Amino acid sequence: MELVRGRSLQDLLTTERALPLSRVAQIGLQVLEALSTRCGRLLPMLSAA
C-alpha cells in the first residue's frame, strides 16, 4: 500500500466543519479499503464496488 499525501481528516473537518453524507461515506469506504488491504483481505462489499 502506498502513502498518499494529502490533508488529514482532522484538517478537513476543521476547515469544512460539516461534510455531506456522500463525502462521509466516501471517506469511510477509503478507510475500510485501507484497513482491509493492510489485513491482507478485501472485504466482500468492497470487491463489488
PDB file of N, CA and C in Angstrom:
ATOM      1  N   MET A   1       0.855  -1.165   0.000  1.00  0.00           N
ATOM      2  CA  MET A   1       0.000   0.000   0.000  1.00  0.00           C
ATOM      3  C   MET A   1       0.904   1.231   0.000  1.00  0.00           C
ATOM      4  N   GLU A   2       0.579   2.178  -0.857  1.00  0.00           N
ATOM      5  CA  GLU A   2       1.407   3.365  -0.966  1.00  0.00           C
ATOM      6  C   GLU A   2       0.876   4.491  -0.081  1.00  0.00           C
ATOM      7  N   LEU A   3       1.782   5.366   0.316  1.00  0.00           N
ATOM      8  CA  LEU A   3       1.403   6.541   1.090  1.00  0.00           C
ATOM      9  C   LEU A   3       0.927   7.618   0.130  1.00  0.00           C
ATOM     10  N   VAL A   4      -0.254   8.110   0.377  1.00  0.00           N
ATOM     11  CA  VAL A   4      -0.811   9.181  -0.451  1.00  0.00           C
ATOM     12  C   VAL A   4      -0.853  10.432   0.407  1.00  0.00           C
ATOM     13  N   ARG A   5      -0.134  11.410  -0.017  1.00  0.00           N
ATOM     14  CA  ARG A   5      -0.069  12.654   0.754  1.00  0.00           C
ATOM     15  C   ARG A   5      -1.308  13.506   0.491  1.00  0.00           C
ATOM     16  N   GLY A   6      -1.775  14.146   1.514  1.00  0.00           N
ATOM     17  CA  GLY A   6      -2.948  15.000   1.396  1.00  0.00           C
ATOM     18  C   GLY A   6      -3.314  15.557   2.756  1.00  0.00           C
ATOM     19  N   ARG A   7      -4.463  16.154   2.825  1.00  0.00           N
ATOM     20  CA  ARG A   7      -4.935  16.718   4.083  1.00  0.00           C
ATOM     21  C   ARG A   7      -5.367  15.611   5.034  1.00  0.00           C
ATOM     22  N   SER A   8      -5.152  15.843   6.316  1.00  0.00           N
ATOM     23  CA  SER A   8      -5.631  14.880   7.301  1.00  0.00           C
ATOM     24  C   SER A   8      -7.135  15.051   7.483  1.00  0.00           C
ATOM     25  N   LEU A   9      -7.764  14.045   8.025  1.00  0.00           N
ATOM     26  CA  LEU A   9      -9.192  14.124   8.298  1.00  0.00           C
ATOM     27  C   LEU A   9      -9.464  15.248   9.298  1.00  0.00           C
ATOM     28  N   GLN A  10      -8.570  15.405  10.264  1.00  0.00           N
ATOM     29  CA  GLN A  10      -8.726  16.483  11.238  1.00  0.00           C
ATOM     30  C   GLN A  10      -8.684  17.845  10.550  1.00  0.00           C
ATOM     31  N   ASP A  11      -7.743  18.044   9.626  1.00  0.00           N
ATOM     32  CA  ASP A  11      -7.669  19.309   8.886  1.00  0.00           C
ATOM     33  C   ASP A  11      -8.935  19.539   8.067  1.00  0.00           C
ATOM     34  N   LEU A  12      -9.402  18.492   7.419  1.00  0.00           N
ATOM     35  CA  LEU A  12     -10.612  18.596   6.610  1.00  0.00           C
ATOM     36  C   LEU A  12     -11.808  19.021   7.451  1.00  0.00           C
ATOM     37  N   LEU A  13     -11.974  18.382   8.612  1.00  0.00           N
ATOM     38  CA  LEU A  13     -13.110  18.704   9.474  1.00  0.00           C
ATOM     39  C   LEU A  13     -12.980  20.086  10.103  1.00  0.00           C
ATOM     40  N   THR A  14     -11.765  20.509  10.390  1.00  0.00           N
ATOM     41  CA  THR A  14     -11.547  21.848  10.934  1.00  0.00           C
ATOM     42  C   THR A  14     -11.917  22.904   9.906  1.00  0.00           C
ATOM     43  N   THR A  15     -11.560  22.662   8.663  1.00  0.00           N
ATOM     44  CA  THR A  15     -11.824  23.612   7.585  1.00  0.00           C
ATOM     45  C   THR A  15     -13.282  23.596   7.163  1.00  0.00           C
ATOM     46  N   GLU A  16     -13.816  22.414   6.950  1.00  0.00           N
ATOM     47  CA  GLU A  16     -15.158  22.273   6.389  1.00  0.00           C
ATOM     48  C   GLU A  16     -16.271  22.306   7.436  1.00  0.00           C
ATOM     49  N   ARG A  17     -15.944  21.973   8.669  1.00  0.00           N
ATOM     50  CA  ARG A  17     -16.914  21.885   9.770  1.00  0.00           C
ATOM     51  C   ARG A  17     -17.906  20.736   9.604  1.00  0.00           C
ATOM     52  N   ALA A  18     -18.656  20.725   8.520  1.00  0.00           N
ATOM     53  CA  ALA A  18     -19.626  19.650   8.272  1.00  0.00           C
ATOM     54  C   ALA A  18     -19.414  19.150   6.846  1.00  0.00           C
ATOM     55  N   LEU A  19     -19.566  17.860   6.679  1.00  0.00           N
ATOM     56  CA  LEU A  19     -19.380  17.245   5.362  1.00  0.00           C
ATOM     57  C   LEU A  19     -20.697  16.642   4.897  1.00  0.00           C
ATOM     58  N   PRO A  20     -20.931  16.668   3.598  1.00  0.00           N
ATOM     59  CA  PRO A  20     -22.122  15.992   3.073  1.00  0.00           C
ATOM     60  C   PRO A  20     -22.027  14.490   3.339  1.00  0.00           C
ATOM     61  N   LEU A  21     -23.164  13.859   3.496  1.00  0.00           N
ATOM     62  CA  LEU A  21     -23.198  12.429   3.776  1.00  0.00           C
ATOM     63  C   LEU A  21     -22.443  11.625   2.720  1.00  0.00           C
ATOM     64  N   SER A  22     -22.537  12.019   1.465  1.00  0.00           N
ATOM     65  CA  SER A  22     -21.835  11.295   0.402  1.00  0.00           C
ATOM     66  C   SER A  22     -20.322  11.339   0.603  1.00  0.00           C
ATOM     67  N   ARG A  23     -19.802  12.464   1.095  1.00  0.00           N
ATOM     68  CA  ARG A  23     -18.359  12.595   1.348  1.00  0.00           C
ATOM     69  C   ARG A  23     -17.952  11.748   2.548  1.00  0.00           C
ATOM     70  N   VAL A  24     -18.790  11.726   3.574  1.00  0.00           N
ATOM     71  CA  VAL A  24     -18.527  10.900   4.751  1.00  0.00           C
ATOM     72  C   VAL A  24     -18.466   9.424   4.349  1.00  0.00           C
ATOM     73  N   ALA A  25     -19.404   9.000   3.504  1.00  0.00           N
ATOM     74  CA  ALA A  25     -19.428   7.612   3.033  1.00  0.00           C
ATOM     75  C   ALA A  25     -18.178   7.299   2.219  1.00  0.00           C
ATOM     76  N   GLN A  26     -17.762   8.229   1.375  1.00  0.00           N
ATOM     77  CA  GLN A  26     -16.561   8.037   0.549  1.00  0.00           C
ATOM     78  C   GLN A  26     -15.317   7.876   1.437  1.00  0.00           C
ATOM     79  N   ILE A  27     -15.201   8.722   2.432  1.00  0.00           N
ATOM     80  CA  ILE A  27     -14.057   8.636   3.355  1.00  0.00           C
ATOM     81  C   ILE A  27     -14.103   7.313   4.116  1.00  0.00           C
ATOM     82  N   GLY A  28     -15.289   6.924   4.574  1.00  0.00           N
ATOM     83  CA  GLY A  28     -15.430   5.655   5.293  1.00  0.00           C
ATOM     84  C   GLY A  28     -15.012   4.467   4.444  1.00  0.00           C
ATOM     85  N   LEU A  29     -15.412   4.461   3.184  1.00  0.00           N
ATOM     86  CA  LEU A  29     -15.010   3.372   2.287  1.00  0.00           C
ATOM     87  C   LEU A  29     -13.508   3.355   2.059  1.00  0.00           C
ATOM     88  N   GLN A  30     -12.899   4.528   1.971  1.00  0.00           N
ATOM     89  CA  GLN A  30     -11.444   4.599   1.804  1.00  0.00           C
ATOM     90  C   GLN A  30     -10.728   4.029   3.026  1.00  0.00           C
ATOM     91  N   VAL A  31     -11.245   4.331   4.202  1.00  0.00           N
ATOM     92  CA  VAL A  31     -10.659   3.804   5.435  1.00  0.00           C
ATOM     93  C   VAL A  31     -10.815   2.285   5.484  1.00  0.00           C
ATOM     94  N   LEU A  32     -12.018   1.783   5.166  1.00  0.00           N
ATOM     95  CA  LEU A  32     -12.241   0.334   5.154  1.00  0.00           C
ATOM     96  C   LEU A  32     -11.340  -0.371   4.152  1.00  0.00           C
ATOM     97  N   GLU A  33     -11.184   0.228   2.980  1.00  0.00           N
ATOM     98  CA  GLU A  33     -10.323  -0.371   1.963  1.00  0.00           C
ATOM     99  C   GLU A  33      -8.872  -0.424   2.437  1.00  0.00           C
ATOM    100  N   ALA A  34      -8.403   0.651   3.062  1.00  0.00           N
ATOM    101  CA  ALA A  34      -7.027   0.673   3.567  1.00  0.00           C
ATOM    102  C   ALA A  34      -6.827  -0.368   4.659  1.00  0.00           C
ATOM    103  N   LEU A  35      -7.796  -0.476   5.561  1.00  0.00           N
ATOM    104  CA  LEU A  35      -7.688  -1.458   6.639  1.00  0.00           C
ATOM    105  C   LEU A  35      -7.748  -2.885   6.113  1.00  0.00           C
ATOM    106  N   SER A  36      -8.632  -3.129   5.155  1.00  0.00           N
ATOM    107  CA  SER A  36      -8.744  -4.486   4.624  1.00  0.00           C
ATOM    108  C   SER A  36      -7.499  -4.854   3.829  1.00  0.00           C
ATOM    109  N   THR A  37      -6.917  -3.901   3.133  1.00  0.00           N
ATOM    110  CA  THR A  37      -5.672  -4.148   2.403  1.00  0.00           C
ATOM    111  C   THR A  37      -4.546  -4.436   3.389  1.00  0.00           C
ATOM    112  N   ARG A  38      -4.504  -3.689   4.457  1.00  0.00           N
ATOM    113  CA  ARG A  38      -3.475  -3.867   5.480  1.00  0.00           C
ATOM    114  C   ARG A  38      -3.599  -5.240   6.124  1.00  0.00           C
ATOM    115  N   CYS A  39      -4.821  -5.712   6.277  1.00  0.00           N
ATOM    116  CA  CYS A  39      -5.051  -7.028   6.895  1.00  0.00           C
ATOM    117  C   CYS A  39      -4.868  -8.168   5.894  1.00  0.00           C
ATOM    118  N   GLY A  40      -4.675  -7.829   4.620  1.00  0.00           N
ATOM    119  CA  GLY A  40      -4.414  -8.851   3.624  1.00  0.00           C
ATOM    120  C   GLY A  40      -5.652  -9.476   3.014  1.00  0.00           C
ATOM    121  N   ARG A  41      -6.787  -8.852   3.196  1.00  0.00           N
ATOM    122  CA  ARG A  41      -8.003  -9.389   2.580  1.00  0.00           C
ATOM    123  C   ARG A  41      -8.913  -8.239   2.198  1.00  0.00           C
ATOM    124  N   LEU A  42      -9.671  -8.444   1.160  1.00  0.00           N
ATOM    125  CA  LEU A  42     -10.602  -7.429   0.684  1.00  0.00           C
ATOM    126  C   LEU A  42     -11.987  -7.781   1.192  1.00  0.00           C
ATOM    127  N   LEU A  43     -12.632  -6.821   1.797  1.00  0.00           N
ATOM    128  CA  LEU A  43     -13.984  -7.070   2.290  1.00  0.00           C
ATOM    129  C   LEU A  43     -14.925  -7.311   1.130  1.00  0.00           C
ATOM    130  N   PRO A  44     -15.855  -8.238   1.239  1.00  0.00           N
ATOM    131  CA  PRO A  44     -16.766  -8.570   0.142  1.00  0.00           C
ATOM    132  C   PRO A  44     -17.501  -7.364  -0.421  1.00  0.00           C
ATOM    133  N   MET A  45     -17.953  -6.441   0.442  1.00  0.00           N
ATOM    134  CA  MET A  45     -18.697  -5.295  -0.071  1.00  0.00           C
ATOM    135  C   MET A  45     -17.836  -4.359  -0.886  1.00  0.00           C
ATOM    136  N   LEU A  46     -16.523  -4.366  -0.643  1.00  0.00           N
ATOM    137  CA  LEU A  46     -15.632  -3.502  -1.404  1.00  0.00           C
ATOM    138  C   LEU A  46     -15.275  -4.113  -2.760  1.00  0.00           C
ATOM    139  N   SER A  47     -15.263  -5.421  -2.833  1.00  0.00           N
ATOM    140  CA  SER A  47     -14.914  -6.065  -4.112  1.00  0.00           C
ATOM    141  C   SER A  47     -16.001  -5.867  -5.155  1.00  0.00           C
ATOM    142  N   ALA A  48     -17.228  -5.615  -4.707  1.00  0.00           N
ATOM    143  CA  ALA A  48     -18.335  -5.390  -5.652  1.00  0.00           C
ATOM    144  C   ALA A  48     -18.407  -3.945  -6.112  1.00  0.00           C
ATOM    145  N   ALA A  49     -17.719  -3.057  -5.411  1.00  0.00           N
ATOM    146  CA  ALA A  49     -17.774  -1.625  -5.728  1.00  0.00           C
ATOM    147  C   ALA A  49     -16.947  -1.277  -6.951  1.00  0.00           C
TER     148      ALA A  49
END
